[in-house]
Protein backbone atom coordinates (compact mmCIF):
# COMPACT_ATOMS: atom_id res chain seq x y z
CA MET A 1 41.35 104.56 -18.21
CA ILE A 2 38.14 104.58 -20.02
CA VAL A 3 34.98 104.94 -17.79
CA PHE A 4 31.50 103.11 -19.25
CA GLN A 5 28.37 103.23 -18.87
CA ARG A 6 26.80 99.38 -18.21
CA SER A 7 25.55 98.09 -21.38
CA TRP A 8 25.45 94.49 -20.74
CA PRO A 9 25.45 91.79 -17.58
CA MET A 10 28.65 92.00 -15.90
CA LEU A 11 30.79 91.56 -12.84
CA ASP A 12 30.55 95.40 -11.18
CA GLU A 13 32.81 95.08 -8.15
CA LEU A 14 34.72 92.77 -5.83
CA HIS A 15 35.75 93.35 -2.40
CA VAL A 16 38.20 90.39 -1.07
CA ARG A 17 39.53 89.93 2.71
CA ASN A 18 41.72 87.41 4.26
CA ILE A 19 42.09 85.08 0.90
CA ALA A 20 45.42 83.64 0.50
CA LEU A 21 48.13 86.74 0.45
CA ILE A 22 45.10 89.28 0.18
CA GLU A 23 44.15 91.16 3.23
CA ASP A 24 42.06 93.45 2.12
CA ALA A 25 41.72 94.83 -1.66
CA ASP A 26 38.67 95.97 -3.56
CA PHE A 27 38.70 95.36 -7.72
CA ARG A 28 36.20 97.18 -10.17
CA PRO A 29 36.71 95.54 -13.37
CA SER A 30 35.67 97.90 -16.37
CA GLU A 31 32.90 96.81 -18.92
CA GLY A 32 35.46 95.87 -21.60
CA LEU A 33 38.85 94.95 -20.87
CA THR A 34 40.60 94.67 -17.59
CA VAL A 35 44.26 93.46 -16.99
CA VAL A 36 45.69 92.16 -13.66
CA THR A 37 49.69 92.31 -13.61
CA GLY A 38 52.12 92.13 -11.24
CA GLU A 39 55.84 89.90 -10.79
CA THR A 40 55.32 86.42 -10.21
CA GLY A 41 54.65 84.93 -6.89
CA SER A 42 52.82 88.62 -6.18
CA GLY A 43 49.27 86.77 -5.68
CA LYS A 44 47.60 87.32 -8.58
CA SER A 45 46.02 84.07 -8.20
CA ALA A 46 44.46 84.82 -5.28
CA LEU A 47 41.98 87.01 -7.01
CA LEU A 48 40.80 84.47 -9.14
CA SER A 49 40.41 82.50 -5.92
CA ALA A 50 38.14 85.04 -4.55
CA LEU A 51 35.99 85.42 -7.98
CA LYS A 52 35.79 81.29 -7.65
CA LEU A 53 34.14 81.21 -4.36
CA LEU A 54 31.77 84.06 -5.77
CA VAL A 55 30.47 81.97 -8.16
CA GLY A 56 29.63 79.02 -6.23
CA GLU A 57 32.80 77.02 -6.73
CA ARG A 58 34.24 74.30 -4.26
CA ALA A 59 35.83 76.27 -0.84
CA ASP A 60 39.09 74.80 0.33
CA THR A 61 40.05 76.07 4.17
CA ALA A 62 43.80 76.57 2.40
CA THR A 63 42.05 79.87 0.91
CA VAL A 64 41.54 81.64 4.16
CA ARG A 65 44.39 83.80 5.13
CA GLU A 66 47.18 82.26 7.30
CA GLY A 67 46.12 83.51 11.08
CA ALA A 68 42.59 84.58 10.01
CA PRO A 69 39.49 83.43 11.29
CA SER A 70 37.81 83.62 8.32
CA ALA A 71 37.92 85.06 4.65
CA GLN A 72 35.22 86.68 2.88
CA VAL A 73 34.24 88.19 -0.71
CA GLU A 74 31.24 90.39 -1.69
CA GLY A 75 30.61 91.27 -5.22
CA ARG A 76 27.86 93.00 -7.30
CA PHE A 77 26.66 91.41 -10.28
CA PHE A 78 24.30 92.64 -13.02
CA LEU A 79 22.17 89.92 -14.87
CA LYS A 80 20.85 89.75 -18.26
CA GLY A 81 17.04 90.85 -18.53
CA GLU A 82 16.71 91.85 -15.02
CA ALA A 83 14.96 95.40 -14.85
CA VAL A 84 13.71 94.48 -11.71
CA ALA A 85 17.19 94.85 -9.99
CA PRO A 86 18.45 98.00 -11.65
CA ASP A 87 21.16 98.27 -8.80
CA GLY A 88 22.31 95.12 -9.44
CA HIS A 89 22.88 91.76 -6.86
CA VAL A 90 25.11 92.15 -3.88
CA VAL A 91 26.55 88.59 -3.40
CA ALA A 92 28.63 87.60 0.00
CA ARG A 93 30.47 84.39 0.91
CA ARG A 94 32.26 83.86 3.90
CA LEU A 95 34.52 80.69 4.55
CA GLY A 96 35.78 80.07 7.97
CA ALA A 97 39.00 78.68 8.98
CA ASP A 98 36.96 75.33 10.18
CA GLY A 99 35.85 75.13 6.88
CA ARG A 100 31.88 76.43 7.65
CA SER A 101 30.82 78.45 4.51
CA ARG A 102 28.03 81.08 4.72
CA VAL A 103 26.10 82.72 1.62
CA SER A 104 24.10 85.37 1.36
CA VAL A 105 22.07 87.05 -1.71
CA ASP A 106 20.92 90.59 -1.38
CA GLY A 107 21.41 90.50 2.51
CA SER A 108 19.03 87.29 2.69
CA MET A 109 20.94 83.59 3.28
CA ALA A 110 21.34 81.42 0.47
CA SER A 111 23.47 78.25 -0.85
CA VAL A 112 26.25 77.68 -2.62
CA ARG A 113 24.00 75.75 -5.39
CA GLU A 114 22.24 79.23 -5.69
CA LEU A 115 25.36 80.91 -6.43
CA SER A 116 26.25 78.63 -8.89
CA GLU A 117 22.95 78.57 -11.01
CA ARG A 118 22.46 82.30 -10.43
CA PHE A 119 25.74 83.77 -11.06
CA GLY A 120 28.28 81.13 -11.87
CA VAL A 121 26.52 80.80 -15.13
CA THR A 122 27.62 84.47 -16.15
CA VAL A 123 31.35 83.52 -15.58
CA ASP A 124 33.71 81.40 -17.60
CA LEU A 125 37.20 80.77 -15.78
CA CYS A 126 39.19 79.97 -19.12
CA GLY A 127 42.34 78.39 -18.54
CA GLN A 128 41.36 75.82 -15.79
CA HIS A 129 40.03 72.80 -16.82
CA GLU A 130 37.60 72.24 -14.03
CA HIS A 131 36.06 75.43 -14.72
CA GLN A 132 35.37 76.19 -18.22
CA HIS A 133 32.20 75.92 -19.72
CA LEU A 134 33.51 74.92 -23.14
CA MET A 135 35.43 72.14 -21.63
CA ARG A 136 32.13 70.39 -21.13
CA ALA A 137 30.78 68.49 -24.49
CA ALA A 138 27.22 68.68 -23.09
CA ASN A 139 27.69 72.23 -23.80
CA HIS A 140 28.60 72.31 -27.48
CA ALA A 141 25.20 71.45 -29.26
CA ALA A 142 23.64 74.84 -27.56
CA MET A 143 26.83 76.74 -28.58
CA LEU A 144 26.56 75.97 -32.26
CA ASP A 145 22.90 76.13 -32.36
CA ALA A 146 23.48 80.26 -30.84
CA TRP A 147 25.88 80.67 -33.05
CA GLY A 148 24.12 79.42 -36.32
CA ALA A 149 20.74 80.57 -35.15
CA SER A 150 19.35 81.92 -38.29
CA THR A 151 19.10 78.74 -39.76
CA ILE A 152 19.27 76.39 -36.98
CA ALA A 153 16.77 78.24 -34.67
CA PRO A 154 13.69 77.43 -37.01
CA VAL A 155 14.25 73.76 -37.35
CA LEU A 156 15.25 73.26 -33.89
CA SER A 157 12.15 74.65 -32.78
CA GLU A 158 10.15 72.52 -35.03
CA TYR A 159 11.81 69.49 -33.94
CA ARG A 160 11.16 70.59 -30.50
CA SER A 161 7.58 70.45 -30.89
CA ARG A 162 7.33 67.48 -32.98
CA PHE A 163 9.67 65.78 -30.29
CA ARG A 164 7.03 67.07 -27.69
CA GLU A 165 4.23 65.61 -29.51
CA ALA A 166 5.79 62.28 -30.09
CA GLU A 167 6.32 61.85 -26.24
CA ALA A 168 2.42 62.97 -25.63
CA ALA A 169 1.53 60.21 -28.57
CA VAL A 170 3.59 57.33 -26.97
CA ALA A 171 2.75 58.31 -23.05
CA ARG A 172 -1.04 58.09 -24.63
CA LEU A 173 -0.43 54.62 -26.10
CA GLU A 174 1.17 53.29 -22.90
CA ASP A 175 -1.70 54.77 -20.77
CA LEU A 176 -4.01 52.89 -22.96
CA ARG A 177 -2.12 49.65 -22.84
CA GLU A 178 -1.56 49.96 -19.09
CA ARG A 179 -5.53 50.28 -18.60
CA SER A 180 -6.04 47.44 -20.86
CA ARG A 181 -4.30 45.25 -18.52
CA VAL A 182 -6.87 45.74 -15.44
CA THR A 183 -8.03 42.54 -13.89
CA SER A 184 -11.64 40.87 -14.46
CA ALA A 185 -12.38 41.43 -10.77
CA GLN A 186 -11.60 45.26 -11.34
CA VAL A 187 -13.77 45.49 -14.88
CA GLU A 188 -16.61 43.85 -12.88
CA GLU A 189 -16.37 46.41 -9.99
CA ALA A 190 -16.34 49.03 -12.44
CA ARG A 191 -19.50 47.48 -14.42
CA PHE A 192 -21.12 47.35 -11.02
CA ILE A 193 -20.30 51.12 -10.43
CA LEU A 194 -21.81 51.86 -13.80
CA ARG A 195 -25.10 50.17 -13.24
CA ARG A 196 -25.52 51.31 -9.80
CA ILE A 197 -24.98 54.87 -10.47
CA ASP A 198 -27.03 54.61 -13.84
CA GLU A 199 -30.07 53.06 -12.02
CA VAL A 200 -30.24 56.25 -10.04
CA ALA A 201 -29.14 58.33 -12.91
CA PRO A 202 -28.55 61.50 -10.81
CA LEU A 203 -28.17 65.06 -12.82
CA SER A 204 -25.70 67.74 -12.28
CA GLY A 205 -27.40 70.21 -9.60
CA GLU A 206 -30.05 67.58 -8.79
CA TYR A 207 -29.32 66.99 -5.29
CA GLU A 208 -29.33 70.46 -4.29
CA GLU A 209 -32.45 71.25 -6.12
CA VAL A 210 -33.94 67.95 -4.28
CA MET A 211 -32.82 69.36 -0.92
CA ASP A 212 -34.45 72.86 -1.38
CA GLN A 213 -37.67 71.30 -2.34
CA LEU A 214 -38.07 68.50 0.50
CA PRO A 215 -38.25 70.95 3.40
CA ARG A 216 -41.06 72.66 1.68
CA ALA A 217 -43.00 69.33 0.58
CA GLU A 218 -42.39 68.13 4.57
CA ASN A 219 -44.12 71.07 5.87
CA ALA A 220 -46.44 72.02 3.31
CA GLU A 221 -49.67 72.06 5.59
CA GLU A 222 -47.88 74.19 8.16
CA LEU A 223 -46.76 76.66 5.48
CA ALA A 224 -50.33 76.85 3.73
CA ARG A 225 -51.75 77.64 7.26
CA ALA A 226 -49.22 80.24 8.08
CA SER A 227 -49.63 81.90 4.89
CA ALA A 228 -53.38 81.87 4.98
CA VAL A 229 -53.27 83.66 8.54
CA ALA A 230 -50.93 86.04 7.17
CA TYR A 231 -52.83 87.16 4.29
CA ASP A 232 -56.08 87.21 6.33
CA ARG A 233 -54.47 89.76 8.79
CA ILE A 234 -53.57 91.63 6.00
CA ALA A 235 -56.29 91.72 3.40
CA SER A 236 -59.13 91.09 5.66
CA GLU A 237 -62.05 93.74 6.72
CA GLY A 238 -60.58 95.45 9.97
CA GLY A 239 -57.20 94.11 8.66
CA ALA A 240 -53.47 95.85 8.80
CA LEU A 241 -54.05 97.25 5.44
CA GLU A 242 -57.61 98.86 6.03
CA LEU A 243 -56.40 100.07 9.49
CA ILE A 244 -53.33 101.90 7.76
CA ASN A 245 -55.18 103.58 5.50
CA GLU A 246 -57.81 104.73 7.93
CA ALA A 247 -54.85 106.16 9.59
CA ALA A 248 -53.49 108.12 6.99
CA GLY A 249 -56.94 109.58 5.88
CA ALA A 250 -57.26 110.89 9.34
CA LEU A 251 -53.74 112.71 8.96
CA GLU A 252 -54.26 113.90 5.76
CA ALA A 253 -57.70 115.41 7.05
CA MET A 254 -56.09 117.47 9.46
CA ALA A 255 -53.02 118.73 7.61
CA GLY A 256 -54.59 121.57 6.56
CA ALA A 257 -54.81 123.00 10.24
CA ASP A 258 -51.30 121.43 10.76
CA PRO A 259 -48.57 120.63 7.77
CA ALA A 260 -46.80 118.64 10.48
CA LEU A 261 -49.00 116.04 10.06
CA ALA A 262 -48.41 115.62 6.08
CA GLY A 263 -45.20 113.95 6.47
CA SER A 264 -46.84 110.99 9.04
CA ALA A 265 -49.88 110.78 6.51
CA GLU A 266 -47.37 110.23 3.61
CA SER A 267 -45.29 107.51 5.62
CA LEU A 268 -48.54 105.73 6.33
CA ARG A 269 -49.17 105.48 2.63
CA GLU A 270 -45.72 104.45 1.84
CA ALA A 271 -46.35 101.67 4.09
CA ALA A 272 -49.92 100.82 2.83
CA TYR A 273 -48.17 100.56 -0.50
CA LEU A 274 -45.45 98.14 0.89
CA ILE A 275 -48.07 95.89 2.56
CA GLU A 276 -50.24 95.44 -0.67
CA ASP A 277 -47.05 94.24 -2.09
CA VAL A 278 -46.66 91.68 0.76
CA GLU A 279 -49.99 90.71 0.32
CA ARG A 280 -50.09 89.80 -3.05
CA ASP A 281 -46.88 87.84 -2.52
CA VAL A 282 -48.40 86.01 0.31
CA ARG A 283 -51.52 85.31 -1.49
CA ALA A 284 -49.47 83.81 -4.27
CA TYR A 285 -47.31 82.06 -2.29
CA ARG A 286 -50.40 80.44 -0.41
CA ASP A 287 -52.01 79.14 -3.85
CA ALA A 288 -49.02 77.97 -5.10
CA ILE A 289 -48.55 75.11 -2.43
CA ASP A 290 -48.52 71.82 -3.42
CA ARG A 291 -50.14 69.81 -0.82
CA ASP A 292 -49.79 66.44 -2.87
CA PRO A 293 -48.80 63.65 -0.64
CA GLN A 294 -47.30 61.83 -3.53
CA LEU A 295 -44.72 64.80 -3.96
CA LEU A 296 -43.45 64.35 -0.60
CA ILE A 297 -43.00 60.60 -1.06
CA ASP A 298 -41.12 61.23 -4.52
CA LEU A 299 -38.59 63.88 -3.04
CA GLN A 300 -37.87 61.80 0.00
CA GLU A 301 -37.28 58.67 -2.26
CA ARG A 302 -34.91 60.40 -4.79
CA ALA A 303 -33.09 62.10 -1.93
CA SER A 304 -32.73 58.54 -0.26
CA ALA A 305 -31.13 57.42 -3.47
CA LEU A 306 -28.71 60.32 -4.24
CA GLN A 307 -27.51 60.12 -0.43
CA GLY A 308 -27.22 56.48 -1.03
CA LEU A 309 -24.82 57.29 -4.07
CA MET A 310 -23.14 59.66 -1.76
CA ARG A 311 -22.36 57.21 0.92
CA ALA A 312 -20.91 54.78 -1.40
CA TYR A 313 -18.86 57.00 -4.23
CA GLY A 314 -18.99 60.68 -1.97
CA PRO A 315 -18.81 61.94 0.06
CA ARG A 316 -20.20 64.76 -2.56
CA MET A 317 -21.96 64.13 -6.03
CA GLU A 318 -19.03 65.42 -7.68
CA ASP A 319 -17.22 62.61 -6.42
CA VAL A 320 -20.13 60.59 -7.66
CA PHE A 321 -19.81 61.75 -10.97
CA ALA A 322 -15.89 61.14 -11.01
CA ALA A 323 -16.44 57.37 -9.86
CA ARG A 324 -18.80 56.94 -12.80
CA ALA A 325 -16.53 58.42 -15.31
CA ARG A 326 -13.55 56.30 -13.95
CA ALA A 327 -15.68 53.20 -14.41
CA GLU A 328 -16.55 54.16 -17.82
CA GLU A 329 -12.84 54.42 -18.75
CA ILE A 330 -12.22 50.86 -17.36
CA VAL A 331 -15.12 49.50 -19.03
CA SER A 332 -14.35 51.33 -22.13
CA SER A 333 -10.50 50.20 -22.55
CA VAL A 334 -11.92 46.47 -22.11
CA ASP A 335 -14.80 46.81 -24.58
CA HIS A 336 -13.14 49.12 -27.12
CA GLY A 337 -9.41 48.44 -25.98
CA ALA A 338 -8.02 47.23 -29.41
CA GLU A 339 -9.73 50.09 -31.16
CA LEU A 340 -8.41 52.53 -28.94
CA VAL A 341 -4.89 50.97 -28.86
CA ALA A 342 -5.03 50.77 -32.55
CA ARG A 343 -5.80 54.55 -32.71
CA ALA A 344 -3.26 55.42 -30.22
CA GLN A 345 -0.64 53.53 -32.39
CA ALA A 346 -1.67 55.40 -35.55
CA ASP A 347 -0.99 58.80 -33.44
CA VAL A 348 2.36 57.59 -32.45
CA ASP A 349 3.57 56.42 -36.12
CA GLU A 350 2.20 59.77 -37.32
CA ALA A 351 3.90 61.66 -34.84
CA GLU A 352 7.12 59.50 -35.54
CA SER A 353 7.08 60.42 -38.97
CA ALA A 354 6.81 64.24 -38.21
CA LEU A 355 9.39 64.06 -35.75
CA VAL A 356 11.87 61.87 -38.22
CA SER A 357 11.52 64.75 -40.73
CA ALA A 358 12.07 67.55 -38.23
CA ALA A 359 15.20 65.92 -36.76
CA HIS A 360 16.50 65.26 -40.65
CA ALA A 361 16.19 69.02 -41.35
CA LEU A 362 18.06 69.88 -37.90
CA ASP A 363 21.00 67.46 -38.61
CA GLU A 364 21.17 69.05 -42.06
CA ALA A 365 21.03 72.78 -40.45
CA ARG A 366 23.60 71.80 -37.78
CA GLU A 367 25.98 69.99 -40.39
CA ALA A 368 26.12 72.95 -42.61
CA ALA A 369 26.74 75.11 -39.66
CA ALA A 370 29.49 72.98 -38.33
CA PRO A 371 32.26 73.52 -40.89
CA LEU A 372 31.83 77.56 -41.05
CA PHE A 373 32.06 77.65 -36.97
CA GLU A 374 35.30 75.54 -37.32
CA ALA A 375 36.54 78.27 -40.06
CA ARG A 376 35.96 80.85 -37.97
CA VAL A 377 37.38 79.34 -34.87
CA ASN A 378 40.28 78.28 -36.88
CA GLU A 379 40.90 81.97 -38.39
CA GLN A 380 41.43 83.14 -34.98
CA LEU A 381 43.89 80.12 -33.88
CA SER A 382 45.68 81.41 -37.10
CA ARG A 383 45.93 85.13 -36.09
CA LEU A 384 47.36 83.47 -32.54
CA GLU A 385 50.10 81.90 -34.93
CA MET A 386 49.10 78.32 -33.17
CA SER A 387 51.34 76.51 -35.93
CA GLY A 388 48.08 74.89 -38.03
CA ALA A 389 46.42 74.11 -34.69
CA GLN A 390 42.70 73.27 -35.44
CA LEU A 391 39.29 72.94 -33.79
CA VAL A 392 37.13 70.09 -35.20
CA CYS A 393 33.07 70.28 -34.69
CA ARG A 394 32.08 66.66 -35.21
CA VAL A 395 28.67 66.22 -35.70
CA VAL A 396 26.88 62.81 -35.25
CA ARG A 397 23.81 61.66 -36.06
CA LEU A 398 22.26 59.66 -33.33
CA ASP A 399 20.24 56.50 -33.04
CA ARG A 400 16.58 57.04 -32.45
CA ALA A 401 16.55 56.05 -28.69
CA ARG A 402 19.19 58.60 -27.86
CA TRP A 403 17.32 61.47 -29.38
CA THR A 404 16.38 64.01 -26.59
CA GLY A 405 14.51 67.54 -26.60
CA SER A 406 17.97 69.15 -27.56
CA GLY A 407 18.49 66.99 -30.87
CA SER A 408 18.69 64.09 -32.79
CA THR A 409 22.59 64.61 -33.11
CA SER A 410 25.55 64.50 -30.98
CA ILE A 411 27.97 67.45 -31.23
CA GLU A 412 31.44 67.79 -29.53
CA PHE A 413 34.31 70.45 -30.26
CA LEU A 414 37.62 68.44 -30.47
CA TYR A 415 41.36 69.61 -31.13
CA ARG A 416 44.36 68.91 -32.99
CA ALA A 417 47.61 70.52 -32.57
CA SER A 418 48.12 69.64 -36.43
CA GLU A 419 47.05 68.32 -39.14
CA SER A 420 48.53 65.18 -39.18
CA MET A 421 47.28 64.37 -35.60
CA THR A 422 43.97 62.80 -34.57
CA PRO A 423 41.38 65.28 -33.22
CA ARG A 424 41.04 64.99 -29.31
CA PRO A 425 38.38 66.26 -26.57
CA LEU A 426 39.18 69.63 -25.47
CA SER A 427 39.35 68.63 -21.89
CA ARG A 428 42.87 66.69 -23.24
CA ILE A 429 44.75 69.36 -24.02
CA ALA A 430 47.62 69.35 -21.52
CA SER A 431 49.36 73.01 -21.88
CA GLY A 432 47.36 75.53 -19.79
CA GLY A 433 48.14 78.39 -22.25
CA GLU A 434 47.37 76.35 -25.29
CA ILE A 435 43.71 75.90 -23.77
CA SER A 436 43.21 79.50 -22.90
CA ARG A 437 43.91 80.48 -26.46
CA VAL A 438 41.83 77.56 -28.04
CA MET A 439 38.81 79.27 -25.79
CA LEU A 440 39.68 82.76 -26.82
CA ALA A 441 39.39 81.65 -30.48
CA CYS A 442 36.12 80.01 -29.65
CA LYS A 443 34.96 82.58 -27.55
CA VAL A 444 35.75 85.37 -30.05
CA ALA A 445 33.99 83.39 -32.68
CA LEU A 446 30.84 82.79 -30.53
CA GLY A 447 30.61 86.70 -30.36
CA ALA A 448 27.49 87.79 -28.57
CA VAL A 449 25.73 84.94 -29.07
CA ASP A 450 28.37 83.37 -26.10
CA ASP A 451 26.00 83.23 -22.64
CA ARG A 452 28.73 83.57 -20.50
CA GLU A 453 28.99 87.49 -20.19
CA THR A 454 32.10 87.63 -18.19
CA LEU A 455 35.38 85.82 -19.58
CA VAL A 456 38.19 85.48 -17.12
CA PHE A 457 41.62 84.12 -18.79
CA ASP A 458 44.50 83.04 -16.62
CA GLU A 459 47.78 81.55 -18.57
CA VAL A 460 46.38 82.84 -21.67
CA ASP A 461 49.78 84.32 -22.65
CA ALA A 462 52.08 81.62 -21.58
CA GLY A 463 55.09 81.06 -23.77
CA VAL A 464 53.91 83.94 -26.30
CA GLY A 465 56.05 86.64 -27.25
CA GLY A 466 56.47 88.91 -30.51
CA SER A 467 54.07 88.95 -33.03
CA VAL A 468 52.04 86.70 -31.57
CA ALA A 469 51.76 88.77 -28.46
CA THR A 470 50.43 91.68 -30.36
CA ALA A 471 47.93 89.16 -32.33
CA LEU A 472 46.77 87.70 -28.55
CA ALA A 473 46.05 91.67 -27.50
CA ASP A 474 44.14 92.45 -30.87
CA VAL A 475 41.96 89.18 -29.99
CA LEU A 476 41.20 90.04 -26.27
CA ALA A 477 40.55 93.70 -27.77
CA ARG A 478 37.88 92.34 -30.12
CA LEU A 479 36.33 90.13 -27.68
CA ALA A 480 36.01 93.08 -25.17
CA LYS A 481 33.39 94.82 -27.39
CA THR A 482 30.97 91.90 -26.82
CA HIS A 483 32.14 90.76 -23.43
CA GLN A 484 33.37 91.92 -19.95
CA VAL A 485 36.95 90.00 -20.19
CA ILE A 486 39.38 90.00 -17.14
CA VAL A 487 42.85 88.71 -18.10
CA VAL A 488 45.84 88.17 -15.94
CA THR A 489 48.84 88.83 -17.92
CA HIS A 490 52.72 89.25 -18.27
CA LEU A 491 52.39 91.00 -21.65
CA ALA A 492 52.94 94.27 -22.28
CA GLN A 493 51.14 94.33 -25.74
CA VAL A 494 47.96 93.19 -23.69
CA ALA A 495 48.14 95.51 -20.95
CA VAL A 496 48.42 98.85 -22.91
CA ARG A 497 45.08 97.69 -24.75
CA ALA A 498 43.42 97.34 -21.46
CA ASP A 499 40.39 99.70 -20.17
CA SER A 500 41.15 99.44 -16.61
CA HIS A 501 44.65 98.04 -15.18
CA TYR A 502 44.96 96.70 -11.71
CA VAL A 503 48.57 95.72 -10.35
CA VAL A 504 49.12 93.02 -7.80
CA ARG A 505 52.13 93.59 -5.64
CA LYS A 506 53.43 91.56 -2.57
CA SER A 507 55.07 93.07 0.58
CA GLU A 508 55.45 92.39 4.72
CA GLY A 509 52.35 92.81 6.63
CA ASP A 510 52.11 94.26 10.57
CA ASP A 511 52.03 90.85 11.44
CA GLY A 512 55.41 90.03 9.66
CA LEU A 513 53.39 87.36 6.95
CA PRO A 514 53.34 88.52 3.42
CA VAL A 515 50.68 90.57 2.44
CA THR A 516 48.98 90.94 -1.45
CA SER A 517 47.85 94.53 -2.37
CA LEU A 518 45.85 95.25 -5.37
CA SER A 519 45.51 98.81 -6.90
CA ALA A 520 44.18 100.41 -10.21
CA VAL A 521 46.94 102.35 -11.87
CA GLU A 522 46.65 104.98 -14.49
CA GLY A 523 48.93 107.50 -15.88
CA ASP A 524 52.87 107.96 -14.75
CA ALA A 525 51.84 104.45 -12.52
CA ARG A 526 50.61 102.91 -15.25
CA ALA A 527 53.50 103.48 -17.46
CA PHE A 528 55.85 102.83 -14.89
CA GLU A 529 54.13 99.13 -14.48
CA ILE A 530 54.40 98.95 -18.39
CA ALA A 531 58.05 99.64 -18.46
CA ARG A 532 58.69 96.92 -15.66
CA MET A 533 56.64 94.31 -17.57
CA LEU A 534 58.77 95.55 -20.80
CA SER A 535 62.54 95.07 -19.16
CA GLY A 536 61.93 94.42 -15.27
CA GLY A 537 62.54 97.95 -14.33
CA ALA A 538 61.66 101.59 -15.07
CA SER A 539 64.76 103.13 -17.44
CA ALA A 540 64.46 106.04 -19.39
CA ALA A 541 64.10 104.10 -22.44
CA SER A 542 61.81 101.20 -21.06
CA LEU A 543 59.50 104.22 -19.93
CA ALA A 544 59.45 106.06 -23.10
CA HIS A 545 58.49 102.70 -24.90
CA ALA A 546 55.60 102.01 -22.56
CA ARG A 547 54.68 105.60 -23.14
CA GLU A 548 54.41 104.85 -26.61
CA LEU A 549 52.65 101.87 -26.38
CA LEU A 550 49.96 103.29 -24.40
CA GLU A 551 49.79 106.07 -27.10
CA LYS A 552 49.35 103.92 -29.72
CA ALA A 553 46.62 101.58 -27.98
């Protein structure tokens, strides 16, 4: 078995307990091709049931092993572009026999929806109609765009940009039209608001400035008196400054006798310098006080006017300005409504014209890519010898009303079993094996651009044998170069190409109920399983043939 170093997102491991016939089993698929083999009825489908639970599919209590209180499946996923989770994500889902379900992601409670949205999008279960990503026509445009990205991506980006601009232009036009429908009462109220606010004409930051000046104007006399007293006590004859200088001089005079006095003298001189600064500041403050009674009246009147606006439209001045802006918009939409609507309509027309040009370029790019994609898929179908079966990529240009952010065309992959038949939706294919092989061909054609990293094929080898089996094995091996591929198979030609091989066996458990075991096989054990697949047993001839196939794989 080849040991891979993980190079792309994948399902790293799976632990299953009490699901269908599985009592307890571990499954560690390789990065490349992993096959699951076993006799018919051995319980291979139980492994798929476990995987379905882990990626958020609907739970059925019939999945719980008979006699067990609950079923549980745990898995480790590595997701694309997640350097923050180098050890991957551990996902667990428990299903009780009573139908209750519990989910956890990395040890924390989660929902089934989270499983589907985070991990289900990385896995495609090919061969079951209800689970195939490719079966839904809504996904086909994105697939074709990814496949033809070199030519489609630039025009798709331009289209999306123009689509957003057109939507914004239409929204602006509708907004203007809606505003122009205001009632006469609303217009009169808006005009009143404008008049009232403009009569006061408040300025930004003015209210704060007025409220800062008002206490000083109201207490001008007291402030002048207090500053005069302070200045007198500092600077007058016999004041604080003179007394401190005298004290400093006395200590300096005796510092020669005792140097310890020098430090105190220096501190007093520093205090004197500080008091001189205070003296200048107090004098300047005293001289600057404005005791004009009219200033007080003006400030009180201005404060009252501004506070009146705040009571009406506040509580803050910012709310007053916002009320004025809204009122101005309403009045403007009426007074200049026709002109504004005309300008907005011109913007819509211009945006629509640019969008139509971008849509035309996108349509042409998709129409050019579609037959090339068809040919690539049909080449794979031919390799699988599907008797003239073809995939048809239908591209239909849509009416403008049906355009979306994803494009201006409808894209759907159709299938016809032969050239004489009418192409039909993929979901209408009846045969499970036929579905799986069509899906396989599509996946190989998509290659590395496919956003589903793990592909699980069931029934892909239904009704296949001979040279077709060898071709199928080649195609699966090729697909495993770009994806993690898990295949439930009965074909030895497929099994020998695997990087990892698991065998499912059914036996009787300790409780007398049938139990399925799952084990990885290598070396002689793998050769014996291949021999069984070739001839139903392990004769010398079949073993020799099995070893030969393994050596050539």
